[in-house]
Structures are given as structure tokens and as C-alpha cells.
N, C-alpha and C. Protein backbone atom coordinates (compact mmCIF):
# COMPACT_ATOMS: atom_id res chain seq x y z
N MET A 1 -49.50 58.62 -52.64
CA MET A 1 -49.92 59.48 -51.58
C MET A 1 -48.84 59.64 -50.50
N VAL A 2 -48.07 58.59 -50.24
CA VAL A 2 -47.01 58.68 -49.24
C VAL A 2 -46.00 59.77 -49.62
N GLY A 3 -45.80 59.96 -50.91
CA GLY A 3 -44.87 60.99 -51.37
C GLY A 3 -45.26 62.38 -50.91
N ILE A 4 -46.54 62.63 -50.79
CA ILE A 4 -47.00 63.93 -50.30
C ILE A 4 -46.55 64.13 -48.87
N TRP A 5 -46.71 63.10 -48.03
CA TRP A 5 -46.34 63.23 -46.61
C TRP A 5 -44.83 63.29 -46.45
N GLU A 6 -44.10 62.61 -47.32
CA GLU A 6 -42.64 62.72 -47.28
C GLU A 6 -42.21 64.15 -47.63
N ARG A 7 -42.88 64.74 -48.60
CA ARG A 7 -42.58 66.12 -48.99
C ARG A 7 -42.95 67.10 -47.89
N VAL A 8 -44.09 66.87 -47.26
CA VAL A 8 -44.51 67.73 -46.14
C VAL A 8 -43.46 67.70 -45.05
N TRP A 9 -42.94 66.50 -44.74
CA TRP A 9 -41.90 66.40 -43.72
C TRP A 9 -40.64 67.14 -44.16
N ALA A 10 -40.23 66.95 -45.40
CA ALA A 10 -39.03 67.62 -45.90
C ALA A 10 -39.18 69.14 -45.80
N ASP A 11 -40.36 69.64 -46.07
CA ASP A 11 -40.59 71.09 -46.03
C ASP A 11 -40.70 71.65 -44.62
N HIS A 12 -41.07 70.83 -43.64
CA HIS A 12 -41.37 71.37 -42.30
C HIS A 12 -40.62 70.72 -41.15
N LYS A 13 -39.65 69.86 -41.44
CA LYS A 13 -38.97 69.16 -40.35
C LYS A 13 -38.19 70.08 -39.43
N THR A 14 -37.82 71.26 -39.90
CA THR A 14 -37.11 72.20 -39.03
C THR A 14 -38.06 73.02 -38.17
N ASP A 15 -39.36 73.01 -38.48
CA ASP A 15 -40.36 73.67 -37.65
C ASP A 15 -41.56 72.74 -37.52
N ARG A 16 -41.43 71.78 -36.63
CA ARG A 16 -42.47 70.76 -36.45
C ARG A 16 -43.78 71.33 -35.95
N SER A 17 -43.74 72.53 -35.38
CA SER A 17 -44.96 73.11 -34.82
C SER A 17 -46.06 73.25 -35.87
N VAL A 18 -45.70 73.43 -37.13
CA VAL A 18 -46.73 73.57 -38.17
C VAL A 18 -47.43 72.24 -38.46
N LEU A 19 -46.86 71.14 -37.98
CA LEU A 19 -47.46 69.83 -38.21
C LEU A 19 -48.17 69.28 -36.97
N GLN A 20 -48.04 69.95 -35.84
CA GLN A 20 -48.64 69.45 -34.60
C GLN A 20 -50.16 69.52 -34.67
N TYR A 21 -50.80 68.56 -34.03
CA TYR A 21 -52.26 68.52 -34.07
C TYR A 21 -52.85 67.96 -32.78
N HIS A 22 -54.09 68.41 -32.53
CA HIS A 22 -54.93 67.84 -31.47
C HIS A 22 -55.86 66.80 -32.09
N ILE A 23 -56.37 67.11 -33.29
CA ILE A 23 -57.27 66.20 -34.01
C ILE A 23 -56.76 66.08 -35.44
N LEU A 24 -56.60 64.85 -35.89
CA LEU A 24 -56.15 64.59 -37.25
C LEU A 24 -57.15 63.66 -37.93
N GLY A 25 -57.61 64.06 -39.11
CA GLY A 25 -58.38 63.14 -39.93
C GLY A 25 -57.38 62.22 -40.62
N ALA A 26 -57.45 60.92 -40.33
CA ALA A 26 -56.52 59.97 -40.94
C ALA A 26 -56.60 60.12 -42.46
N PRO A 27 -55.49 60.43 -43.12
CA PRO A 27 -55.53 60.68 -44.56
C PRO A 27 -56.15 59.53 -45.35
N HIS A 28 -56.91 59.92 -46.34
CA HIS A 28 -57.56 59.01 -47.28
C HIS A 28 -58.24 57.83 -46.58
N HIS A 29 -59.08 58.17 -45.60
CA HIS A 29 -59.92 57.17 -44.92
C HIS A 29 -59.09 56.08 -44.25
N CYS A 30 -57.95 56.46 -43.71
CA CYS A 30 -57.05 55.54 -43.01
C CYS A 30 -56.39 54.55 -43.97
N SER A 31 -55.93 55.08 -45.08
CA SER A 31 -55.27 54.27 -46.09
C SER A 31 -53.81 53.99 -45.72
N TRP A 32 -53.36 52.79 -46.03
CA TRP A 32 -51.97 52.41 -45.84
C TRP A 32 -51.05 53.22 -46.73
N ARG A 33 -51.54 53.57 -47.92
CA ARG A 33 -50.70 54.26 -48.91
C ARG A 33 -50.33 55.69 -48.50
N SER A 34 -50.90 56.19 -47.42
CA SER A 34 -50.46 57.47 -46.86
C SER A 34 -49.17 57.30 -46.07
N LEU A 35 -48.87 56.06 -45.71
CA LEU A 35 -47.73 55.76 -44.86
C LEU A 35 -46.63 54.96 -45.55
N SER A 36 -46.92 54.37 -46.69
CA SER A 36 -45.96 53.47 -47.34
C SER A 36 -46.18 53.42 -48.85
N SER A 37 -45.11 53.18 -49.57
CA SER A 37 -45.24 52.98 -51.02
C SER A 37 -45.47 51.51 -51.34
N GLU A 38 -45.33 50.65 -50.34
CA GLU A 38 -45.54 49.21 -50.53
C GLU A 38 -46.98 48.82 -50.20
N SER A 39 -47.47 47.80 -50.86
CA SER A 39 -48.82 47.31 -50.61
C SER A 39 -48.88 46.54 -49.30
N TRP A 40 -49.86 46.85 -48.47
CA TRP A 40 -50.06 46.13 -47.21
C TRP A 40 -50.47 44.69 -47.49
N SER A 41 -51.47 44.49 -48.35
CA SER A 41 -51.98 43.14 -48.59
C SER A 41 -50.99 42.27 -49.35
N GLU A 42 -50.29 42.84 -50.34
CA GLU A 42 -49.33 42.04 -51.12
C GLU A 42 -48.11 41.66 -50.29
N SER A 43 -47.82 42.39 -49.24
CA SER A 43 -46.67 42.07 -48.39
C SER A 43 -47.06 41.24 -47.17
N ASN A 44 -48.33 40.82 -47.14
CA ASN A 44 -48.84 40.08 -45.99
C ASN A 44 -48.60 40.82 -44.68
N GLY A 45 -48.81 42.13 -44.70
CA GLY A 45 -48.69 42.95 -43.50
C GLY A 45 -47.27 43.29 -43.10
N LYS A 46 -46.32 43.06 -44.00
CA LYS A 46 -44.92 43.33 -43.67
C LYS A 46 -44.34 44.54 -44.41
N ALA A 47 -45.21 45.33 -45.02
CA ALA A 47 -44.77 46.52 -45.75
C ALA A 47 -44.11 47.50 -44.78
N GLU A 48 -43.10 48.18 -45.26
CA GLU A 48 -42.36 49.15 -44.44
C GLU A 48 -43.05 50.50 -44.44
N VAL A 49 -43.09 51.12 -43.29
CA VAL A 49 -43.61 52.48 -43.15
C VAL A 49 -42.51 53.45 -43.56
N SER A 50 -42.87 54.46 -44.30
CA SER A 50 -41.93 55.51 -44.66
C SER A 50 -41.61 56.32 -43.40
N PRO A 51 -40.34 56.37 -43.01
CA PRO A 51 -39.99 57.12 -41.79
C PRO A 51 -40.41 58.58 -41.87
N ASP A 52 -40.25 59.21 -43.05
CA ASP A 52 -40.60 60.62 -43.17
C ASP A 52 -42.10 60.85 -43.13
N ALA A 53 -42.87 59.98 -43.76
CA ALA A 53 -44.33 60.12 -43.69
C ALA A 53 -44.81 59.93 -42.26
N ARG A 54 -44.22 58.97 -41.55
CA ARG A 54 -44.61 58.74 -40.16
C ARG A 54 -44.26 59.95 -39.30
N LYS A 55 -43.12 60.55 -39.55
CA LYS A 55 -42.74 61.74 -38.78
C LYS A 55 -43.72 62.88 -39.06
N ALA A 56 -44.08 63.07 -40.32
CA ALA A 56 -45.02 64.14 -40.66
C ALA A 56 -46.37 63.94 -39.97
N LEU A 57 -46.86 62.70 -39.98
CA LEU A 57 -48.15 62.39 -39.37
C LEU A 57 -48.04 62.12 -37.88
N GLY A 58 -46.83 62.10 -37.37
CA GLY A 58 -46.61 61.73 -35.97
C GLY A 58 -46.45 62.89 -35.02
N GLN A 59 -46.84 64.07 -35.39
CA GLN A 59 -46.65 65.24 -34.54
C GLN A 59 -47.87 65.49 -33.65
N ALA A 60 -48.34 64.44 -33.01
CA ALA A 60 -49.52 64.51 -32.15
C ALA A 60 -49.19 65.22 -30.84
N LEU A 61 -50.10 66.07 -30.41
CA LEU A 61 -49.97 66.75 -29.13
C LEU A 61 -50.62 65.91 -28.04
N ALA A 62 -50.41 66.26 -26.80
CA ALA A 62 -50.96 65.50 -25.67
C ALA A 62 -52.47 65.33 -25.83
N GLY A 63 -52.93 64.09 -25.68
CA GLY A 63 -54.35 63.78 -25.77
C GLY A 63 -54.92 63.82 -27.17
N ALA A 64 -54.08 63.82 -28.20
CA ALA A 64 -54.54 63.93 -29.59
C ALA A 64 -55.49 62.80 -29.96
N ILE A 65 -56.32 63.08 -30.96
CA ILE A 65 -57.25 62.09 -31.49
C ILE A 65 -57.04 61.99 -33.00
N VAL A 66 -56.94 60.77 -33.50
CA VAL A 66 -56.92 60.53 -34.95
C VAL A 66 -58.28 59.95 -35.30
N VAL A 67 -58.96 60.57 -36.27
CA VAL A 67 -60.29 60.15 -36.68
C VAL A 67 -60.20 59.49 -38.05
N ALA A 68 -60.62 58.24 -38.12
CA ALA A 68 -60.72 57.55 -39.41
C ALA A 68 -62.15 57.70 -39.91
N SER A 69 -62.32 58.46 -40.97
CA SER A 69 -63.62 58.62 -41.58
C SER A 69 -63.78 57.48 -42.59
N SER A 70 -64.28 56.36 -42.08
CA SER A 70 -64.31 55.16 -42.90
C SER A 70 -65.27 54.13 -42.31
N LYS A 71 -65.42 53.05 -43.06
CA LYS A 71 -66.13 51.89 -42.51
C LYS A 71 -65.26 51.33 -41.39
N PRO A 72 -65.73 50.34 -40.64
CA PRO A 72 -64.91 49.80 -39.55
C PRO A 72 -63.54 49.34 -40.04
N VAL A 73 -62.52 49.60 -39.24
CA VAL A 73 -61.15 49.21 -39.58
C VAL A 73 -60.92 47.81 -39.01
N VAL A 74 -60.84 46.84 -39.92
CA VAL A 74 -60.65 45.44 -39.51
C VAL A 74 -59.47 44.85 -40.27
N ASP A 75 -59.01 43.70 -39.82
CA ASP A 75 -57.87 43.02 -40.43
C ASP A 75 -58.34 42.21 -41.64
N ASP A 76 -58.40 42.89 -42.79
CA ASP A 76 -58.77 42.22 -44.05
C ASP A 76 -57.95 42.84 -45.17
N ASP A 77 -58.24 42.48 -46.41
CA ASP A 77 -57.45 42.98 -47.54
C ASP A 77 -57.93 44.33 -48.07
N ASP A 78 -58.99 44.88 -47.50
CA ASP A 78 -59.48 46.18 -47.96
C ASP A 78 -58.52 47.29 -47.55
N ASP A 79 -58.34 48.23 -48.44
CA ASP A 79 -57.53 49.41 -48.16
C ASP A 79 -57.98 50.51 -49.11
N PRO A 80 -58.57 51.54 -48.60
CA PRO A 80 -58.82 51.87 -47.20
C PRO A 80 -60.12 51.26 -46.67
N PRO A 81 -60.26 51.24 -45.36
CA PRO A 81 -59.27 51.51 -44.33
C PRO A 81 -58.36 50.31 -44.13
N CYS A 82 -57.20 50.55 -43.58
CA CYS A 82 -56.21 49.48 -43.40
C CYS A 82 -55.85 49.32 -41.93
N ILE A 83 -55.90 48.09 -41.46
CA ILE A 83 -55.56 47.80 -40.07
C ILE A 83 -54.11 48.20 -39.77
N GLY A 84 -53.23 48.08 -40.74
CA GLY A 84 -51.83 48.47 -40.55
C GLY A 84 -51.70 49.95 -40.29
N ALA A 85 -52.46 50.77 -41.02
CA ALA A 85 -52.43 52.22 -40.80
C ALA A 85 -52.98 52.54 -39.42
N LYS A 86 -54.07 51.89 -39.04
CA LYS A 86 -54.62 52.10 -37.70
C LYS A 86 -53.57 51.80 -36.64
N ARG A 87 -52.86 50.71 -36.80
CA ARG A 87 -51.83 50.34 -35.82
C ARG A 87 -50.71 51.38 -35.74
N VAL A 88 -50.33 51.94 -36.88
CA VAL A 88 -49.30 53.00 -36.87
C VAL A 88 -49.82 54.21 -36.11
N TYR A 89 -51.05 54.63 -36.39
CA TYR A 89 -51.61 55.77 -35.69
C TYR A 89 -51.70 55.49 -34.18
N GLU A 90 -52.04 54.28 -33.82
CA GLU A 90 -52.11 53.94 -32.39
C GLU A 90 -50.73 54.03 -31.74
N THR A 91 -49.66 53.64 -32.46
CA THR A 91 -48.31 53.77 -31.88
C THR A 91 -47.90 55.24 -31.78
N ILE A 92 -48.39 56.07 -32.68
CA ILE A 92 -48.14 57.51 -32.59
C ILE A 92 -48.85 58.09 -31.38
N LEU A 93 -50.06 57.62 -31.11
CA LEU A 93 -50.90 58.19 -30.06
C LEU A 93 -50.58 57.68 -28.66
N THR A 94 -50.00 56.50 -28.55
CA THR A 94 -49.73 55.92 -27.22
C THR A 94 -48.89 56.82 -26.33
N PRO A 95 -47.75 57.35 -26.78
CA PRO A 95 -46.93 58.17 -25.88
C PRO A 95 -47.59 59.49 -25.46
N VAL A 96 -48.61 59.93 -26.18
CA VAL A 96 -49.26 61.19 -25.83
C VAL A 96 -50.65 60.96 -25.22
N ASP A 97 -50.93 59.71 -24.83
CA ASP A 97 -52.24 59.34 -24.27
C ASP A 97 -53.38 59.75 -25.18
N GLY A 98 -53.19 59.52 -26.48
CA GLY A 98 -54.20 59.87 -27.46
C GLY A 98 -55.12 58.70 -27.77
N ASN A 99 -56.06 58.93 -28.67
CA ASN A 99 -57.04 57.90 -29.05
C ASN A 99 -57.26 57.88 -30.55
N PHE A 100 -57.51 56.70 -31.05
CA PHE A 100 -57.90 56.48 -32.44
C PHE A 100 -59.40 56.21 -32.41
N VAL A 101 -60.16 56.96 -33.21
CA VAL A 101 -61.60 56.74 -33.28
C VAL A 101 -62.01 56.57 -34.73
N ASN A 102 -63.16 55.95 -34.93
CA ASN A 102 -63.64 55.62 -36.27
C ASN A 102 -65.08 56.08 -36.40
N THR A 103 -65.40 56.77 -37.49
CA THR A 103 -66.75 57.28 -37.67
C THR A 103 -67.79 56.16 -37.77
N ALA A 104 -67.43 55.03 -38.37
CA ALA A 104 -68.39 53.92 -38.47
C ALA A 104 -68.69 53.35 -37.10
N ALA A 105 -67.68 53.22 -36.26
CA ALA A 105 -67.89 52.71 -34.90
C ALA A 105 -68.74 53.70 -34.10
N HIS A 106 -68.49 54.98 -34.31
CA HIS A 106 -69.28 56.02 -33.63
C HIS A 106 -70.73 55.93 -34.07
N LYS A 107 -70.94 55.77 -35.38
CA LYS A 107 -72.31 55.68 -35.90
C LYS A 107 -73.02 54.45 -35.36
N ALA A 108 -72.30 53.33 -35.28
CA ALA A 108 -72.90 52.11 -34.76
C ALA A 108 -73.31 52.28 -33.29
N LYS A 109 -72.51 53.02 -32.56
CA LYS A 109 -72.77 53.23 -31.13
C LYS A 109 -73.81 54.32 -30.90
N ALA A 110 -73.73 55.41 -31.69
CA ALA A 110 -74.52 56.60 -31.40
C ALA A 110 -75.65 56.86 -32.38
N GLY A 111 -75.71 56.13 -33.48
CA GLY A 111 -76.71 56.44 -34.50
C GLY A 111 -76.19 57.52 -35.42
N ALA A 112 -77.10 58.13 -36.14
CA ALA A 112 -76.72 59.13 -37.14
C ALA A 112 -76.55 60.50 -36.50
N VAL A 113 -75.56 60.62 -35.62
CA VAL A 113 -75.25 61.90 -35.00
C VAL A 113 -73.78 62.20 -35.26
N PRO A 114 -73.46 63.49 -35.41
CA PRO A 114 -72.06 63.84 -35.69
C PRO A 114 -71.17 63.61 -34.48
N MET A 115 -69.89 63.42 -34.76
CA MET A 115 -68.90 63.40 -33.69
C MET A 115 -68.71 64.84 -33.24
N GLU A 116 -68.72 65.04 -31.93
CA GLU A 116 -68.48 66.37 -31.39
C GLU A 116 -67.33 66.27 -30.41
N PHE A 117 -66.43 67.25 -30.48
CA PHE A 117 -65.26 67.27 -29.62
C PHE A 117 -65.28 68.50 -28.74
N ASP A 118 -64.94 68.31 -27.49
CA ASP A 118 -64.74 69.42 -26.56
C ASP A 118 -63.23 69.62 -26.52
N VAL A 119 -62.76 70.77 -26.99
CA VAL A 119 -61.33 71.02 -27.04
C VAL A 119 -60.93 71.73 -25.77
N ARG A 120 -60.11 71.05 -24.96
CA ARG A 120 -59.69 71.57 -23.65
C ARG A 120 -58.19 71.80 -23.66
N SER A 121 -57.71 72.46 -22.64
CA SER A 121 -56.26 72.69 -22.55
C SER A 121 -55.51 71.37 -22.42
N SER A 122 -56.17 70.34 -21.91
CA SER A 122 -55.54 69.02 -21.77
C SER A 122 -55.67 68.18 -23.03
N GLY A 123 -56.33 68.72 -24.05
CA GLY A 123 -56.52 68.00 -25.30
C GLY A 123 -57.99 67.82 -25.62
N PRO A 124 -58.30 67.30 -26.80
CA PRO A 124 -59.71 67.15 -27.20
C PRO A 124 -60.34 65.94 -26.52
N VAL A 125 -61.66 66.03 -26.33
CA VAL A 125 -62.42 64.93 -25.77
C VAL A 125 -63.62 64.68 -26.67
N LEU A 126 -63.76 63.46 -27.14
CA LEU A 126 -64.92 63.09 -27.94
C LEU A 126 -66.12 63.01 -27.00
N GLN A 127 -67.17 63.77 -27.31
CA GLN A 127 -68.36 63.79 -26.47
C GLN A 127 -69.19 62.53 -26.71
N GLU A 128 -69.81 62.07 -25.66
CA GLU A 128 -70.73 60.95 -25.79
C GLU A 128 -71.92 61.39 -26.64
N ALA A 129 -72.45 60.49 -27.42
CA ALA A 129 -73.58 60.81 -28.28
C ALA A 129 -74.73 61.33 -27.44
N GLY A 130 -75.32 62.43 -27.91
CA GLY A 130 -76.48 62.98 -27.23
C GLY A 130 -76.14 63.98 -26.15
N SER A 131 -74.86 64.09 -25.76
CA SER A 131 -74.52 65.07 -24.73
C SER A 131 -74.41 66.43 -25.37
N GLU A 132 -74.71 67.44 -24.63
CA GLU A 132 -74.61 68.80 -25.13
C GLU A 132 -73.43 69.46 -24.44
N LEU A 133 -72.57 70.08 -25.20
CA LEU A 133 -71.42 70.77 -24.62
C LEU A 133 -71.85 72.02 -23.88
N GLY A 134 -72.80 72.72 -24.43
CA GLY A 134 -73.20 73.99 -23.83
C GLY A 134 -72.11 75.02 -23.96
N ILE A 135 -72.31 76.15 -23.37
CA ILE A 135 -71.32 77.21 -23.40
C ILE A 135 -70.54 77.15 -22.11
N LYS A 136 -69.23 77.13 -22.23
CA LYS A 136 -68.36 77.01 -21.07
C LYS A 136 -67.35 78.14 -21.11
N ALA A 137 -67.22 78.83 -20.03
CA ALA A 137 -66.23 79.91 -19.98
C ALA A 137 -64.86 79.30 -19.80
N ALA A 138 -63.93 79.68 -20.64
CA ALA A 138 -62.55 79.22 -20.48
C ALA A 138 -61.90 80.07 -19.40
N SER A 139 -61.09 79.46 -18.58
CA SER A 139 -60.55 80.12 -17.40
C SER A 139 -59.81 81.40 -17.73
N GLY A 140 -60.38 82.51 -17.29
CA GLY A 140 -59.71 83.79 -17.31
C GLY A 140 -59.48 84.45 -18.66
N ILE A 141 -59.88 83.83 -19.77
CA ILE A 141 -59.56 84.48 -21.03
C ILE A 141 -60.80 84.84 -21.85
N GLY A 142 -61.98 84.61 -21.28
CA GLY A 142 -63.20 85.08 -21.92
C GLY A 142 -63.60 84.35 -23.18
N LEU A 143 -63.12 83.15 -23.38
CA LEU A 143 -63.53 82.38 -24.54
C LEU A 143 -64.67 81.46 -24.16
N SER A 144 -65.44 81.02 -25.13
CA SER A 144 -66.46 80.03 -24.85
C SER A 144 -66.36 78.91 -25.85
N VAL A 145 -66.77 77.73 -25.42
CA VAL A 145 -66.75 76.55 -26.28
C VAL A 145 -68.19 76.12 -26.45
N VAL A 146 -68.61 75.95 -27.69
CA VAL A 146 -69.97 75.50 -27.97
C VAL A 146 -69.89 74.33 -28.92
N SER A 147 -70.95 73.55 -28.96
CA SER A 147 -70.97 72.45 -29.92
C SER A 147 -71.03 73.03 -31.33
N LEU A 148 -70.61 72.25 -32.30
CA LEU A 148 -70.67 72.70 -33.69
C LEU A 148 -72.11 72.99 -34.10
N ARG A 149 -73.05 72.21 -33.60
CA ARG A 149 -74.46 72.42 -33.91
C ARG A 149 -74.92 73.78 -33.40
N GLU A 150 -74.55 74.12 -32.15
CA GLU A 150 -74.93 75.41 -31.58
C GLU A 150 -74.30 76.56 -32.36
N ALA A 151 -73.04 76.39 -32.73
CA ALA A 151 -72.35 77.44 -33.47
C ALA A 151 -73.04 77.69 -34.80
N ALA A 152 -73.43 76.63 -35.49
CA ALA A 152 -74.10 76.77 -36.79
C ALA A 152 -75.44 77.48 -36.63
N GLU A 153 -76.15 77.22 -35.54
CA GLU A 153 -77.44 77.85 -35.31
C GLU A 153 -77.29 79.35 -35.02
N GLN A 154 -76.13 79.76 -34.54
CA GLN A 154 -75.91 81.16 -34.19
C GLN A 154 -75.48 82.00 -35.39
N ILE A 155 -75.15 81.38 -36.51
CA ILE A 155 -74.68 82.11 -37.69
C ILE A 155 -75.85 82.34 -38.63
N PRO A 156 -76.16 83.60 -38.92
CA PRO A 156 -77.30 83.85 -39.81
C PRO A 156 -76.98 83.44 -41.25
N ALA A 157 -78.01 83.03 -41.98
CA ALA A 157 -77.84 82.70 -43.40
C ALA A 157 -77.55 83.97 -44.17
N VAL A 158 -76.71 83.89 -45.17
CA VAL A 158 -76.35 85.04 -45.99
C VAL A 158 -76.89 84.81 -47.39
N ASN A 159 -77.69 85.79 -47.85
CA ASN A 159 -78.26 85.70 -49.18
C ASN A 159 -77.17 86.02 -50.19
N LYS A 160 -77.00 85.16 -51.19
CA LYS A 160 -75.96 85.36 -52.19
C LYS A 160 -76.52 86.14 -53.38
N GLY A 161 -76.24 87.43 -53.41
CA GLY A 161 -76.56 88.26 -54.57
C GLY A 161 -78.03 88.36 -54.91
N GLY A 162 -78.91 88.32 -53.92
CA GLY A 162 -80.33 88.50 -54.17
C GLY A 162 -81.03 87.28 -54.74
N GLU A 163 -80.27 86.22 -55.01
CA GLU A 163 -80.89 85.01 -55.53
C GLU A 163 -81.45 84.20 -54.38
N ARG A 164 -82.09 83.12 -54.67
CA ARG A 164 -82.66 82.27 -53.64
C ARG A 164 -81.67 81.21 -53.20
N ARG A 165 -80.41 81.58 -53.17
CA ARG A 165 -79.36 80.69 -52.70
C ARG A 165 -78.75 81.31 -51.44
N PHE A 166 -78.47 80.48 -50.47
CA PHE A 166 -77.93 80.98 -49.21
C PHE A 166 -76.66 80.26 -48.87
N ALA A 167 -75.76 80.96 -48.21
CA ALA A 167 -74.49 80.38 -47.77
C ALA A 167 -74.61 79.98 -46.32
């Protein structure tokens, strides 16, 4: 898997803007193998990070959030998720005042509710469980921000070819 990120960097290192992000889903549930060809557990946590993979995944914008869609990230031999990968993402996020979040930790705190982000000019903000974003006018440009739940409710179902299947 690290080879993919090395290739992505090779293809886009002259135009990093295509790799920049506000929110990144940590690849493969926060797997170490997205960052290194060496085993984290077999190296006792001393495996080397691929510089090119780190550069590809390191194009975080101010206030960026990396989301690990995984069970809790703890210091054990399981991979994914890997504590070493979490630590790399945290070092990527520190200079941009970003945050690493985990879906399992969110679920433990908030129950079975989705993560919702308010995307602002200063960067994304993870909403507290149960809060409603509502519709907010963006300054001077006529845009509105709504929660994903509200957006889904506003989109009518589309009948697919007269069958009883809907998109």
C-alpha cells in the first residue's frame, strides 16, 4: 500500500495543491503499511516511514482533520489501526493546528451518531454529538452550510427506471 502513496507523490510533487486537504480519511483504517514497507510490530516500533508517502499524506491545510475509521488506536500489535501511523499523522497535523480523530472514540462518546463537520474558512470543525449545524450564510458569497443529514433530507428520491428501487 505504501507504494501507492509513493507513486501519488511522484506524480504530483510539482503541484502539491492536488494533494492538499482539510479532512483526510486515514488510509486503510490508519494502517502502518500506508506509510512504510516495514512491519511496525516486527520492528518493535522502529520501522522507517517512507519519505515520499509521508509527503503525499502530509499536505494538510490549516486546521486539517485526519479521521481514522477504525476501532480505538492503541499501542498494541494490531495493524490496522496502528499507533505508529497515528503518531505520524499527529506530527503532520501539529504545525497546522490540526486534529486526529477516531470514529470508535466518537462512537464511545456520542453513541451511534455520525461525525459531522462544519467546514469554515479557518478549517473544518468536528461538531459535538447532537448539535445541529443549521443553515449558515457564508460571508458575502451566498453559500450555505448544512449538516449532511439535512442535505440528505432535501434531496428527493429518484425512481430508477420505474422499478421499486430508489437512488
